[in-house]
């Protein structure tokens, strides 16, 4: 009989240890080590220990391998296709991660309904019954007039958690695409650990990867973490899969961002924007216009920034509010902005411009539930805070782009022409940007360019006095 061993595996990062540890030495998480029983595999005969995609591959010369680009499967959802790099690559394995209730299952069921008319799609669920999935599908396809929608002929549902049984069914059906919802509910009977453990998640993902590469079947995995974070999250799978997508957004807001953080077949950092509606996730063709739809023009504390999400420029409204504080340590409350970045901008406004922010609570909010991290929004954040502090409005027709330095200077940011073209397309007349020192790509002509060397100069140009002139 093979000897069994006990080891401890971190539920967050997958670090293994022979002894129980209160704190994981790799990720620093407390109380994340889980006990697992590992059965030693019997020693194979010489020449039979062969593990791989097919077990029959052999070395080939690179010059003899066909280099033609593989044709991608077209997708009706343009935003999803953008994030994947132009479509689905056959034989790839794609992970879609996100918080519970954010819309991962809805998004992939919509994808299955769209592709089920001309491709064989197998939707495997370990969390819902066939009846529940069909009810959700009918809701997503609901049409006006109350007529029963037509369901795709080539979409198959299968509720099972035993991965060996699932792969056997896939071998018989031979679908073009398989969706697994979710990878944390799958298990292999030969592994003595519960479904959702780091070992089960890793081995199930490896088995699906090998099947995808050997058969050409595309596999979508849904990965999630519980609110307590007690099971392995999608980061455990990042080295196994070809593409990692995260569905982000505030669950109390309508907008969702599908972000690519790893893609072997396309660019990373691409973003698709969706809006959660009654009939599921709807693509937002012009996100900037949607984010600015409810903007109150000429209101103090509001500024427009242009941020880059991958290759796409987005215009967002930055709101700032200052309020006298009764506390010894005034609060700094960011929503959608990095906390340390807010502290930096506040310190520069206090030290270089003389604003008495040490006695003020400061609140900064990004409208629409978005989260921005690039420093190009520094100027807009500073303008929103100064506008609220002085109770004057920022120029309504202007966008503000620039990084703020500790000396109060403005620094150039990348992809400025693309940002300005997007602002001009949405009707903004002027842009306040850092003064360019080095020559580069010419800026667009359809918008007035106002260059400023320092934050003080930029705010003088951006803030409108009560008589309508610049301060």
Protein backbone atom coordinates (compact mmCIF):
# COMPACT_ATOMS: atom_id res chain seq x y z
CA UNK A 1 0.00 0.00 0.00
CA UNK A 2 1.36 3.46 -0.82
CA UNK A 3 2.29 5.51 2.23
CA UNK A 4 0.13 8.57 2.93
CA UNK A 5 1.59 11.86 3.98
CA UNK A 6 0.12 14.97 5.58
CA UNK A 7 1.06 18.45 4.40
CA UNK A 8 -0.31 21.94 4.87
CA UNK A 9 -1.22 24.16 1.92
CA UNK A 10 -1.96 27.89 1.97
CA UNK A 11 -5.47 28.54 0.66
CA UNK A 12 -4.42 31.90 -0.79
CA UNK A 13 -1.13 31.32 -2.59
CA UNK A 14 -0.66 27.52 -2.62
CA UNK A 15 2.52 27.47 -0.50
CA UNK A 16 3.10 23.99 0.97
CA UNK A 17 4.66 23.22 4.33
CA UNK A 18 5.32 19.95 6.18
CA UNK A 19 4.24 21.57 9.47
CA UNK A 20 1.32 23.71 10.55
CA UNK A 21 2.10 27.44 10.47
CA UNK A 22 0.02 30.25 11.84
CA UNK A 23 1.22 32.65 9.12
CA UNK A 24 2.07 31.76 5.54
CA UNK A 25 5.75 32.64 4.86
CA UNK A 26 5.04 33.40 1.18
CA UNK A 27 1.94 35.63 1.12
CA UNK A 28 1.83 36.64 4.79
CA UNK A 29 -1.76 35.48 5.30
CA UNK A 30 -2.81 34.48 8.81
CA UNK A 31 -4.67 31.21 9.48
CA UNK A 32 -4.66 30.21 5.81
CA UNK A 33 -2.85 26.84 6.05
CA UNK A 34 -5.13 23.86 5.39
CA UNK A 35 -4.31 20.23 6.11
CA UNK A 36 -4.26 17.88 3.13
CA UNK A 37 -3.57 14.16 2.90
CA UNK A 38 -1.30 13.24 0.01
CA UNK A 39 -1.11 9.64 -1.14
CA UNK A 40 2.22 8.72 -2.67
CA UNK A 41 1.75 7.37 -6.18
CA UNK A 42 3.10 3.88 -6.90
CA UNK A 43 6.43 3.82 -8.69
CA UNK A 44 5.82 3.29 -12.42
CA UNK A 45 7.67 0.85 -14.58
CA UNK A 46 10.69 2.17 -16.41
CA UNK A 47 9.67 3.92 -19.61
CA UNK A 48 6.02 4.34 -18.67
CA UNK A 49 6.23 7.53 -16.62
CA UNK A 50 4.98 9.78 -19.35
CA UNK A 51 2.89 12.87 -18.65
CA UNK A 52 1.96 15.54 -21.16
CA UNK A 53 -0.66 16.68 -23.62
CA UNK A 54 -0.78 13.42 -25.57
CA UNK A 55 2.27 11.43 -24.47
CA UNK A 56 3.25 10.99 -28.15
CA UNK A 57 4.97 14.27 -28.95
CA UNK A 58 8.57 14.46 -30.15
CA UNK A 59 11.04 17.32 -30.73
CA UNK A 60 10.62 19.15 -34.03
CA UNK A 61 12.65 21.79 -35.81
CA UNK A 62 11.22 25.27 -35.38
CA UNK A 63 11.61 25.93 -39.11
CA UNK A 64 9.41 22.90 -39.93
CA UNK A 65 6.49 24.01 -37.74
CA UNK A 66 3.65 25.84 -39.44
CA UNK A 67 3.59 29.48 -38.40
CA UNK A 68 0.22 30.47 -39.84
CA UNK A 69 -1.95 32.43 -37.47
CA UNK A 70 -4.78 30.27 -36.12
CA UNK A 71 -8.23 31.48 -37.04
CA UNK A 72 -10.16 32.80 -34.08
CA UNK A 73 -13.77 32.00 -33.35
CA UNK A 74 -15.87 35.17 -33.86
CA UNK A 75 -17.86 36.48 -30.90
CA UNK A 76 -21.10 38.49 -31.12
CA UNK A 77 -20.10 40.41 -27.95
CA UNK A 78 -17.68 43.05 -29.23
CA UNK A 79 -16.51 44.11 -25.76
CA UNK A 80 -15.69 40.51 -24.82
CA UNK A 81 -13.91 40.00 -28.14
CA UNK A 82 -11.82 43.15 -27.57
CA UNK A 83 -10.58 41.87 -24.21
CA UNK A 84 -9.62 38.47 -25.66
CA UNK A 85 -7.69 40.10 -28.50
CA UNK A 86 -10.18 39.70 -31.35
CA UNK A 87 -11.99 36.43 -30.66
CA UNK A 88 -11.59 32.99 -29.11
CA UNK A 89 -8.46 30.96 -29.90
CA UNK A 90 -9.38 27.26 -30.32
CA UNK A 91 -7.73 25.05 -27.72
CA UNK A 92 -7.18 27.85 -25.23
CA UNK A 93 -8.18 27.81 -21.57
CA UNK A 94 -9.57 31.05 -20.16
CA UNK A 95 -10.24 31.95 -16.53
CA UNK A 96 -12.91 34.49 -15.58
CA UNK A 97 -12.57 35.52 -11.95
CA UNK A 98 -14.36 37.93 -9.67
CA UNK A 99 -16.26 38.40 -6.45
CA UNK A 100 -19.49 36.47 -5.75
CA UNK A 101 -22.54 38.03 -7.37
CA UNK A 102 -20.60 40.27 -9.75
CA UNK A 103 -22.04 38.57 -12.88
CA UNK A 104 -19.51 35.92 -13.98
CA UNK A 105 -22.07 33.17 -14.57
CA UNK A 106 -24.43 35.60 -16.31
CA UNK A 107 -21.70 36.77 -18.68
CA UNK A 108 -20.62 33.27 -19.70
CA UNK A 109 -24.20 32.00 -20.04
CA UNK A 110 -24.84 34.92 -22.40
CA UNK A 111 -21.73 33.88 -24.33
CA UNK A 112 -23.01 30.29 -24.52
CA UNK A 113 -26.42 31.45 -25.76
CA UNK A 114 -24.81 33.63 -28.43
CA UNK A 115 -22.48 30.89 -29.71
CA UNK A 116 -24.91 27.97 -29.31
CA UNK A 117 -26.57 28.65 -32.66
CA UNK A 118 -23.51 27.72 -34.74
CA UNK A 119 -21.10 25.97 -32.32
CA UNK A 120 -21.45 22.97 -30.00
CA UNK A 121 -21.26 24.40 -26.47
CA UNK A 122 -21.23 22.34 -23.26
CA UNK A 123 -22.14 24.31 -20.13
CA UNK A 124 -21.10 22.40 -17.01
CA UNK A 125 -22.38 23.63 -13.66
CA UNK A 126 -21.52 22.36 -10.22
CA UNK A 127 -23.56 25.03 -8.46
CA UNK A 128 -26.98 25.11 -10.17
CA UNK A 129 -29.48 22.61 -11.54
CA UNK A 130 -30.53 22.38 -15.19
CA UNK A 131 -33.88 23.97 -14.33
CA UNK A 132 -32.24 26.95 -12.65
CA UNK A 133 -29.91 27.51 -15.59
CA UNK A 134 -32.77 27.29 -18.08
CA UNK A 135 -34.81 29.80 -16.09
CA UNK A 136 -31.89 32.23 -16.19
CA UNK A 137 -31.37 31.60 -19.90
CA UNK A 138 -35.04 32.38 -20.63
CA UNK A 139 -34.75 35.58 -18.63
CA UNK A 140 -31.65 36.63 -20.58
CA UNK A 141 -33.42 35.91 -23.89
CA UNK A 142 -36.72 37.46 -22.86
CA UNK A 143 -38.26 39.46 -25.69
CA UNK A 144 -40.95 42.11 -25.76
CA UNK A 145 -44.50 40.85 -26.11
CA UNK A 146 -44.05 37.94 -23.68
CA UNK A 147 -43.29 35.36 -26.40
CA UNK A 148 -41.26 32.29 -25.51
CA UNK A 149 -37.70 32.89 -26.79
CA UNK A 150 -36.03 30.31 -29.01
CA UNK A 151 -33.15 28.52 -27.28
CA UNK A 152 -29.98 27.54 -29.18
CA UNK A 153 -30.02 24.05 -30.68
CA UNK A 154 -26.35 23.30 -29.97
CA UNK A 155 -26.17 24.32 -26.31
CA UNK A 156 -25.91 21.39 -23.86
CA UNK A 157 -26.28 21.61 -20.07
CA UNK A 158 -24.63 19.17 -17.69
CA UNK A 159 -24.67 19.38 -13.88
CA UNK A 160 -21.80 17.38 -12.41
CA UNK A 161 -18.76 17.92 -10.17
CA UNK A 162 -16.76 14.75 -10.91
CA UNK A 163 -14.23 15.91 -13.48
CA UNK A 164 -13.52 12.40 -14.77
CA UNK A 165 -17.22 11.99 -15.64
CA UNK A 166 -17.29 15.46 -17.22
CA UNK A 167 -14.29 14.72 -19.44
CA UNK A 168 -15.84 11.40 -20.48
CA UNK A 169 -19.01 13.21 -21.56
CA UNK A 170 -16.93 15.82 -23.39
CA UNK A 171 -15.09 13.06 -25.27
CA UNK A 172 -18.41 11.71 -26.52
CA UNK A 173 -19.94 15.07 -27.38
CA UNK A 174 -16.73 16.73 -28.67
CA UNK A 175 -17.93 20.33 -28.17
CA UNK A 176 -16.18 23.32 -29.64
CA UNK A 177 -16.42 25.17 -26.34
CA UNK A 178 -16.90 24.07 -22.72
CA UNK A 179 -17.77 26.32 -19.79
CA UNK A 180 -17.05 25.11 -16.24
CA UNK A 181 -18.97 26.90 -13.47
CA UNK A 182 -17.04 26.88 -11.27
CA UNK A 183 -13.59 25.32 -11.01
CA UNK A 184 -13.83 25.40 -7.19
CA UNK A 185 -16.70 22.86 -7.27
CA UNK A 186 -14.85 20.30 -9.44
CA UNK A 187 -12.92 17.35 -8.01
CA UNK A 188 -10.89 14.35 -9.14
CA UNK A 189 -11.75 11.14 -7.25
CA UNK A 190 -8.10 10.05 -7.06
CA UNK A 191 -7.08 13.03 -4.92
CA UNK A 192 -7.80 12.79 -1.20
CA UNK A 193 -8.86 16.36 -0.58
CA UNK A 194 -12.11 18.25 -0.75
CA UNK A 195 -13.36 20.18 -3.77
CA UNK A 196 -12.08 23.74 -3.74
CA UNK A 197 -8.78 22.95 -2.05
CA UNK A 198 -5.60 24.20 -3.65
CA UNK A 199 -4.62 20.69 -4.76
CA UNK A 200 -7.99 19.91 -6.34
CA UNK A 201 -8.15 23.28 -8.10
CA UNK A 202 -4.64 22.87 -9.47
CA UNK A 203 -5.03 19.27 -10.63
CA UNK A 204 -8.48 19.83 -12.15
CA UNK A 205 -7.15 22.83 -14.05
CA UNK A 206 -4.17 20.84 -15.30
CA UNK A 207 -6.49 18.06 -16.53
CA UNK A 208 -8.69 20.58 -18.36
CA UNK A 209 -5.65 22.30 -19.86
CA UNK A 210 -4.27 19.03 -21.22
CA UNK A 211 -7.64 18.12 -22.71
CA UNK A 212 -8.02 21.56 -24.31
CA UNK A 213 -4.55 21.49 -25.89
CA UNK A 214 -4.88 17.93 -27.21
CA UNK A 215 -8.43 18.21 -28.58
CA UNK A 216 -8.68 21.85 -29.68
CA UNK A 217 -11.68 22.44 -27.40
CA UNK A 218 -11.81 25.91 -25.84
CA UNK A 219 -12.42 25.88 -22.08
CA UNK A 220 -13.79 28.76 -19.99
CA UNK A 221 -13.33 28.44 -16.22
CA UNK A 222 -15.21 30.49 -13.66
CA UNK A 223 -13.20 31.10 -10.51
CA UNK A 224 -14.29 32.90 -7.36
CA UNK A 225 -13.51 33.34 -3.73
CA UNK A 226 -15.94 33.27 -0.85
CA UNK A 227 -16.55 36.30 1.31
CA UNK A 228 -14.43 34.68 4.05
CA UNK A 229 -11.64 33.84 1.56
CA UNK A 230 -11.31 30.27 2.90
CA UNK A 231 -10.85 28.56 -0.48
CA UNK A 232 -8.26 29.06 -3.20
CA UNK A 233 -8.94 32.06 -5.37
CA UNK A 234 -8.33 32.47 -9.09
CA UNK A 235 -4.69 33.55 -8.60
CA UNK A 236 -3.76 29.91 -8.00
CA UNK A 237 -4.65 29.21 -11.64
CA UNK A 238 -2.86 32.11 -13.32
CA UNK A 239 0.23 30.10 -14.29
CA UNK A 240 -1.87 27.27 -15.75
CA UNK A 241 -4.39 29.05 -17.96
CA UNK A 242 -3.73 31.00 -21.16
CA UNK A 243 -5.87 34.03 -20.34
CA UNK A 244 -6.96 35.55 -17.04
CA UNK A 245 -9.93 37.91 -17.02
CA UNK A 246 -11.37 39.68 -14.00
CA UNK A 247 -14.92 40.99 -13.85
CA UNK A 248 -14.78 44.03 -11.61
CA UNK A 249 -17.12 46.69 -10.34
CA UNK A 250 -19.18 47.75 -7.40
CA UNK A 251 -22.07 45.32 -7.04
CA UNK A 252 -24.28 48.28 -6.08
CA UNK A 253 -23.41 50.08 -9.33
CA UNK A 254 -24.63 49.10 -12.80
CA UNK A 255 -21.27 49.15 -14.60
CA UNK A 256 -18.94 46.15 -14.83
CA UNK A 257 -15.40 46.10 -16.20
CA UNK A 258 -14.00 42.94 -17.78
CA UNK A 259 -10.24 43.35 -17.45
CA UNK A 260 -7.50 41.23 -19.01
CA UNK A 261 -4.46 40.75 -16.78
CA UNK A 262 -2.85 37.89 -18.71
CA UNK A 263 -3.30 36.92 -22.35
CA UNK A 264 -0.97 34.68 -24.34
CA UNK A 265 -2.84 35.49 -27.53
CA UNK A 266 -3.38 39.25 -27.23
CA UNK A 267 -2.64 42.43 -25.34
CA UNK A 268 -3.03 42.65 -21.58
CA UNK A 269 -4.71 45.45 -19.62
CA UNK A 270 -7.57 45.62 -22.16
CA UNK A 271 -10.97 46.45 -20.69
CA UNK A 272 -14.52 45.74 -21.80
CA UNK A 273 -17.35 47.78 -20.26
CA UNK A 274 -20.78 46.31 -19.54
CA UNK A 275 -23.91 47.51 -17.77
CA UNK A 276 -25.98 45.16 -15.64
CA UNK A 277 -29.60 45.35 -16.78
CA UNK A 278 -32.72 43.24 -16.40
CA UNK A 279 -31.74 41.09 -19.38
CA UNK A 280 -28.17 40.54 -18.23
CA UNK A 281 -24.96 42.33 -19.11
CA UNK A 282 -25.31 44.84 -21.95
CA UNK A 283 -22.28 46.18 -23.81
CA UNK A 284 -21.49 49.86 -23.37
CA UNK A 285 -20.24 51.09 -26.75
CA UNK A 286 -19.24 54.55 -25.49
CA UNK A 287 -18.24 54.23 -21.82
CA UNK A 288 -17.06 57.85 -21.46
CA UNK A 289 -20.46 59.20 -22.48
CA UNK A 290 -22.19 56.85 -20.05
CA UNK A 291 -19.95 57.84 -17.13
CA UNK A 292 -20.58 61.55 -17.75
CA UNK A 293 -24.33 61.29 -18.42
CA UNK A 294 -25.42 62.55 -14.97
CA UNK A 295 -22.69 65.12 -14.53
CA UNK A 296 -23.76 68.44 -12.96
CA UNK A 297 -22.01 71.16 -14.95
CA UNK A 298 -20.31 74.08 -13.11
CA UNK A 299 -20.65 72.39 -9.73
CA UNK A 300 -17.74 73.04 -7.33
CA UNK A 301 -15.64 69.97 -6.63
CA UNK A 302 -16.09 68.29 -10.04
CA UNK A 303 -13.35 67.79 -12.64
CA UNK A 304 -12.98 65.62 -15.73
CA UNK A 305 -9.95 63.34 -16.14
CA UNK A 306 -8.95 61.14 -19.07
CA UNK A 307 -7.58 57.77 -17.97
CA UNK A 308 -6.34 54.86 -20.07
CA UNK A 309 -7.75 51.36 -19.61
CA UNK A 310 -5.50 49.27 -21.83
CA UNK A 311 -5.61 50.96 -25.23
CA UNK A 312 -8.96 52.65 -24.55
CA UNK A 313 -9.19 56.22 -23.21
CA UNK A 314 -12.03 56.83 -20.75
CA UNK A 315 -13.35 60.19 -19.58
CA UNK A 316 -14.35 60.04 -15.94
CA UNK A 317 -15.73 62.51 -13.45
CA UNK A 318 -13.64 63.07 -10.33
CA UNK A 319 -15.50 64.57 -7.39
CA UNK A 320 -13.81 66.17 -4.41
CA UNK A 321 -15.27 67.49 -1.18
CA UNK A 322 -13.62 69.28 1.73
CA UNK A 323 -15.35 69.82 5.03
CA UNK A 324 -14.11 71.36 8.31
CA UNK A 325 -13.11 68.59 10.69
CA UNK A 326 -13.75 68.37 14.41
CA UNK A 327 -11.25 65.54 14.78
CA UNK A 328 -7.62 65.78 15.77
CA UNK A 329 -6.66 63.81 12.66
CA UNK A 330 -8.86 64.84 9.71
CA UNK A 331 -10.07 62.03 7.50
CA UNK A 332 -8.86 61.25 3.99
CA UNK A 333 -11.51 59.09 2.31
CA UNK A 334 -10.92 57.90 -1.28
CA UNK A 335 -13.43 55.91 -3.32
CA UNK A 336 -11.91 54.57 -6.54
CA UNK A 337 -8.56 56.31 -5.93
CA UNK A 338 -5.43 54.95 -4.28
CA UNK A 339 -5.22 56.18 -0.68
CA UNK A 340 -1.51 57.00 -0.84
CA UNK A 341 -2.04 58.96 -4.05
CA UNK A 342 -4.70 61.07 -2.32
CA UNK A 343 -2.30 61.77 0.55
CA UNK A 344 0.39 62.85 -1.92
CA UNK A 345 -1.89 65.25 -3.81
CA UNK A 346 -3.25 66.68 -0.55
CA UNK A 347 0.28 67.26 0.76
CA UNK A 348 1.33 69.08 -2.41
CA UNK A 349 -1.76 71.31 -2.28
CA UNK A 350 -1.00 72.15 1.35
CA UNK A 351 2.75 72.69 1.06
CA UNK A 352 3.10 74.22 -2.42
CA UNK A 353 -0.18 76.11 -2.83
CA UNK A 354 -0.90 77.05 0.77
CA UNK A 355 -4.36 75.46 1.04
CA UNK A 356 -5.26 74.87 4.68
CA UNK A 357 -6.21 71.21 4.24
CA UNK A 358 -4.80 70.14 7.60
CA UNK A 359 -8.09 71.21 9.19
CA UNK A 360 -10.32 69.66 6.51
CA UNK A 361 -11.80 66.22 5.94
CA UNK A 362 -11.18 65.30 2.28
CA UNK A 363 -13.39 62.97 0.26
CA UNK A 364 -12.60 61.94 -3.33
CA UNK A 365 -14.98 59.84 -5.43
CA UNK A 366 -14.77 58.38 -8.95
CA UNK A 367 -18.24 58.32 -10.49
CA UNK A 368 -19.58 55.01 -11.83
CA UNK A 369 -17.81 52.66 -9.43
CA UNK A 370 -14.56 52.74 -11.40
CA UNK A 371 -11.13 52.44 -9.85
CA UNK A 372 -8.18 54.30 -11.30
CA UNK A 373 -4.53 53.84 -10.36
CA UNK A 374 -2.53 55.74 -12.98
CA UNK A 375 -1.02 59.12 -11.97
CA UNK A 376 -2.53 60.89 -15.02
CA UNK A 377 -5.59 61.68 -12.86
CA UNK A 378 -3.53 63.61 -10.28
CA UNK A 379 -4.31 67.01 -11.82
CA UNK A 380 -8.06 66.33 -11.90
CA UNK A 381 -7.99 65.15 -8.26
CA UNK A 382 -6.11 68.27 -7.20
CA UNK A 383 -8.50 70.51 -9.14
CA UNK A 384 -11.56 68.84 -7.59
CA UNK A 385 -10.17 69.29 -4.06
CA UNK A 386 -9.13 72.92 -4.66
CA UNK A 387 -12.47 73.67 -6.33
CA UNK A 388 -14.39 72.42 -3.31
CA UNK A 389 -12.07 74.20 -0.87
CA UNK A 390 -12.47 77.55 -2.64
CA UNK A 391 -16.13 76.91 -3.59
CA UNK A 392 -15.55 77.74 -7.26
CA UNK A 393 -16.21 75.56 -10.30
CA UNK A 394 -13.74 73.96 -12.70
CA UNK A 395 -14.08 74.99 -16.36
CA UNK A 396 -16.93 72.84 -17.65
CA UNK A 397 -15.56 72.46 -21.19
CA UNK A 398 -12.03 71.44 -20.10
CA UNK A 399 -10.41 68.12 -19.30
CA UNK A 400 -7.38 67.88 -17.02
CA UNK A 401 -4.56 65.40 -17.59
CA UNK A 402 -1.21 65.30 -15.83
CA UNK A 403 0.89 63.80 -13.06
CA UNK A 404 1.68 65.95 -10.01
CA UNK A 405 5.23 65.93 -8.66
CA UNK A 406 6.28 66.58 -5.07
CA UNK A 407 7.70 69.98 -6.05
CA UNK A 408 4.35 71.03 -7.43
CA UNK A 409 5.38 70.54 -11.06
CA UNK A 410 3.27 68.82 -13.72
CA UNK A 411 4.72 65.86 -15.57
CA UNK A 412 3.84 64.42 -18.97
CA UNK A 413 1.89 61.17 -19.24
CA UNK A 414 1.76 58.57 -22.00
CA UNK A 415 -0.70 58.27 -24.88
CA UNK A 416 -1.67 61.93 -24.67
CA UNK A 417 -2.89 62.21 -28.32
CA UNK A 418 -5.36 59.32 -27.81
CA UNK A 419 -6.67 60.95 -24.63
CA UNK A 420 -7.19 64.31 -26.33
CA UNK A 421 -8.90 62.77 -29.36
CA UNK A 422 -11.41 61.06 -27.07
CA UNK A 423 -12.07 64.33 -25.23
CA UNK A 424 -12.57 66.19 -28.51
CA UNK A 425 -14.96 63.50 -29.77
CA UNK A 426 -17.18 64.02 -26.72
CA UNK A 427 -17.38 67.77 -27.26
CA UNK A 428 -14.81 69.16 -24.82
CA UNK A 429 -13.27 72.38 -26.13
CA UNK A 430 -9.99 72.58 -24.20
CA UNK A 431 -7.49 70.44 -22.32
CA UNK A 432 -5.12 71.54 -19.55
CA UNK A 433 -2.00 69.39 -19.77
CA UNK A 434 1.67 69.57 -18.67
CA UNK A 435 4.00 71.63 -20.80
CA UNK A 436 5.83 69.30 -23.17
CA UNK A 437 9.62 69.55 -22.99
CA UNK A 438 10.57 66.85 -25.49
CA UNK A 439 9.22 66.52 -29.01
CA UNK A 440 6.88 63.64 -29.70
CA UNK A 441 3.74 62.66 -31.56
CA UNK A 442 1.78 65.73 -32.72
CA UNK A 443 -1.31 66.56 -30.71
CA UNK A 444 -4.77 66.69 -32.34
CA UNK A 445 -6.01 69.99 -33.76
CA UNK A 446 -9.69 69.76 -32.81
CA UNK A 447 -9.21 70.82 -29.19
CA UNK A 448 -7.54 73.83 -27.56
CA UNK A 449 -4.32 72.79 -25.82
CA UNK A 450 -3.47 74.76 -22.67
CA UNK A 451 -0.05 73.87 -21.27
CA UNK A 452 0.99 74.51 -17.67
CA UNK A 453 4.36 73.95 -16.04
CA UNK A 454 3.20 73.79 -12.43
CA UNK A 455 0.14 72.79 -10.44
CA UNK A 456 -0.38 76.38 -9.34
CA UNK A 457 -0.48 77.58 -12.95
CA UNK A 458 -2.83 74.77 -13.99
CA UNK A 459 -5.30 75.53 -11.19
CA UNK A 460 -5.28 79.22 -12.08
CA UNK A 461 -6.30 78.23 -15.61
CA UNK A 462 -8.82 75.58 -14.55
CA UNK A 463 -10.76 77.26 -11.74
CA UNK A 464 -13.44 79.74 -12.76
CA UNK A 465 -13.98 82.80 -10.55
CA UNK A 466 -17.50 83.82 -9.61
CA UNK A 467 -17.49 86.51 -12.30
CA UNK A 468 -16.80 83.85 -14.97
CA UNK A 469 -13.08 84.56 -15.48
CA UNK A 470 -10.18 82.28 -14.64
CA UNK A 471 -8.73 82.73 -11.17
